[in-house]
Amino acid sequence: MCRFEETLNKFLQASGVDKMPAYTTSATAKILSISPSMVIYLCDEWQPPDQSKKNRGLECYRAGKHRRIPHHAIIEWLENNFEYNLLGEN
């Protein structure tokens, strides 16, 4: 298990959200301690991976009008944004 997956597991435990294959925007917001509107913004910023730059957005897909964020996408987001120390994890 990579350290970012361990970090996500800690966030899941702290937030009281069960581990799932995909999360709602509300659950993701609770896990990351950010607002649901920030999760939507991060989803809208996501672009398919490009070798020349890191992606700062959060991958998601639509289920009707709702967004779903895959478990692996949160781990990738933590990896890509770790240098900014957004979540206070070292």
Protein backbone atom coordinates (compact mmCIF):
# COMPACT_ATOMS: atom_id res chain seq x y z
CA MET A 1 0.00 0.00 0.00
CA CYS A 2 1.46 3.38 -1.00
CA ARG A 3 1.73 6.20 1.49
CA PHE A 4 -0.98 8.23 -0.24
CA GLU A 5 -3.40 5.33 0.01
CA GLU A 6 -2.56 5.12 3.71
CA THR A 7 -3.21 8.86 3.97
CA LEU A 8 -6.57 8.43 2.27
CA ASN A 9 -7.45 5.59 4.64
CA LYS A 10 -6.68 7.90 7.58
CA PHE A 11 -8.91 10.60 6.05
CA LEU A 12 -11.69 8.05 5.54
CA GLN A 13 -11.48 6.94 9.13
CA ALA A 14 -11.39 10.52 10.46
CA SER A 15 -14.35 11.60 8.31
CA GLY A 16 -16.44 8.51 9.04
CA VAL A 17 -16.92 7.75 5.34
CA ASP A 18 -16.78 4.08 4.32
CA LYS A 19 -14.30 3.00 1.65
CA MET A 20 -16.10 2.66 -1.71
CA PRO A 21 -15.15 2.35 -5.38
CA ALA A 22 -16.50 5.89 -6.00
CA TYR A 23 -17.70 8.77 -3.83
CA THR A 24 -20.26 11.55 -4.15
CA THR A 25 -19.11 15.16 -4.15
CA SER A 26 -20.40 15.51 -0.57
CA ALA A 27 -18.50 12.43 0.63
CA THR A 28 -15.33 13.59 -1.17
CA ALA A 29 -15.67 17.03 0.42
CA LYS A 30 -16.00 15.43 3.84
CA ILE A 31 -12.97 13.18 3.23
CA LEU A 32 -10.74 16.05 2.05
CA SER A 33 -12.18 18.64 4.48
CA ILE A 34 -13.13 21.02 1.68
CA SER A 35 -16.46 22.37 0.46
CA PRO A 36 -18.60 20.46 -2.05
CA SER A 37 -18.30 23.44 -4.42
CA MET A 38 -14.48 23.10 -4.29
CA VAL A 39 -14.82 19.41 -5.22
CA ILE A 40 -16.95 20.42 -8.22
CA TYR A 41 -14.35 23.04 -9.19
CA LEU A 42 -11.56 20.44 -8.97
CA CYS A 43 -13.61 18.03 -11.10
CA ASP A 44 -14.17 20.74 -13.71
CA GLU A 45 -10.40 21.45 -13.77
CA TRP A 46 -9.51 17.83 -14.49
CA GLN A 47 -8.09 16.99 -17.92
CA PRO A 48 -6.84 13.67 -19.27
CA PRO A 49 -3.21 13.03 -18.27
CA ASP A 50 -0.53 14.82 -20.24
CA GLN A 51 3.10 13.74 -19.95
CA SER A 52 4.39 17.32 -19.94
CA LYS A 53 2.58 18.55 -16.83
CA LYS A 54 0.92 17.34 -13.67
CA ASN A 55 -2.83 17.50 -13.49
CA ARG A 56 -4.16 19.50 -10.54
CA GLY A 57 -7.80 18.58 -11.09
CA LEU A 58 -9.79 15.69 -9.69
CA GLU A 59 -10.97 12.97 -12.06
CA CYS A 60 -14.69 12.25 -11.94
CA TYR A 61 -17.50 10.87 -14.07
CA ARG A 62 -21.19 11.67 -14.33
CA ALA A 63 -24.01 9.48 -13.07
CA GLY A 64 -26.94 11.39 -14.53
CA LYS A 65 -26.47 14.95 -13.27
CA HIS A 66 -24.33 13.85 -10.34
CA ARG A 67 -20.56 13.56 -10.16
CA ARG A 68 -18.79 10.49 -8.83
CA ILE A 69 -15.14 10.54 -7.84
CA PRO A 70 -13.34 7.17 -8.12
CA HIS A 71 -11.28 6.01 -5.14
CA HIS A 72 -8.12 5.87 -7.27
CA ALA A 73 -8.70 9.46 -8.42
CA ILE A 74 -8.48 10.77 -4.86
CA ILE A 75 -5.19 8.91 -4.36
CA GLU A 76 -3.84 10.36 -7.63
CA TRP A 77 -4.99 13.83 -6.58
CA LEU A 78 -3.18 13.49 -3.25
CA GLU A 79 0.00 12.42 -5.08
CA ASN A 80 -0.16 15.27 -7.61
CA ASN A 81 -0.91 17.93 -5.02
CA PHE A 82 1.27 16.73 -2.17
CA GLU A 83 3.94 19.37 -2.84
CA TYR A 84 1.40 22.06 -1.96
CA ASN A 85 0.77 20.44 1.44
CA LEU A 86 -2.92 21.35 1.10
CA LEU A 87 -4.04 18.87 3.71
CA GLY A 88 -1.30 19.33 6.27
CA GLU A 89 0.13 15.84 5.75
CA ASN A 90 3.90 15.34 5.66
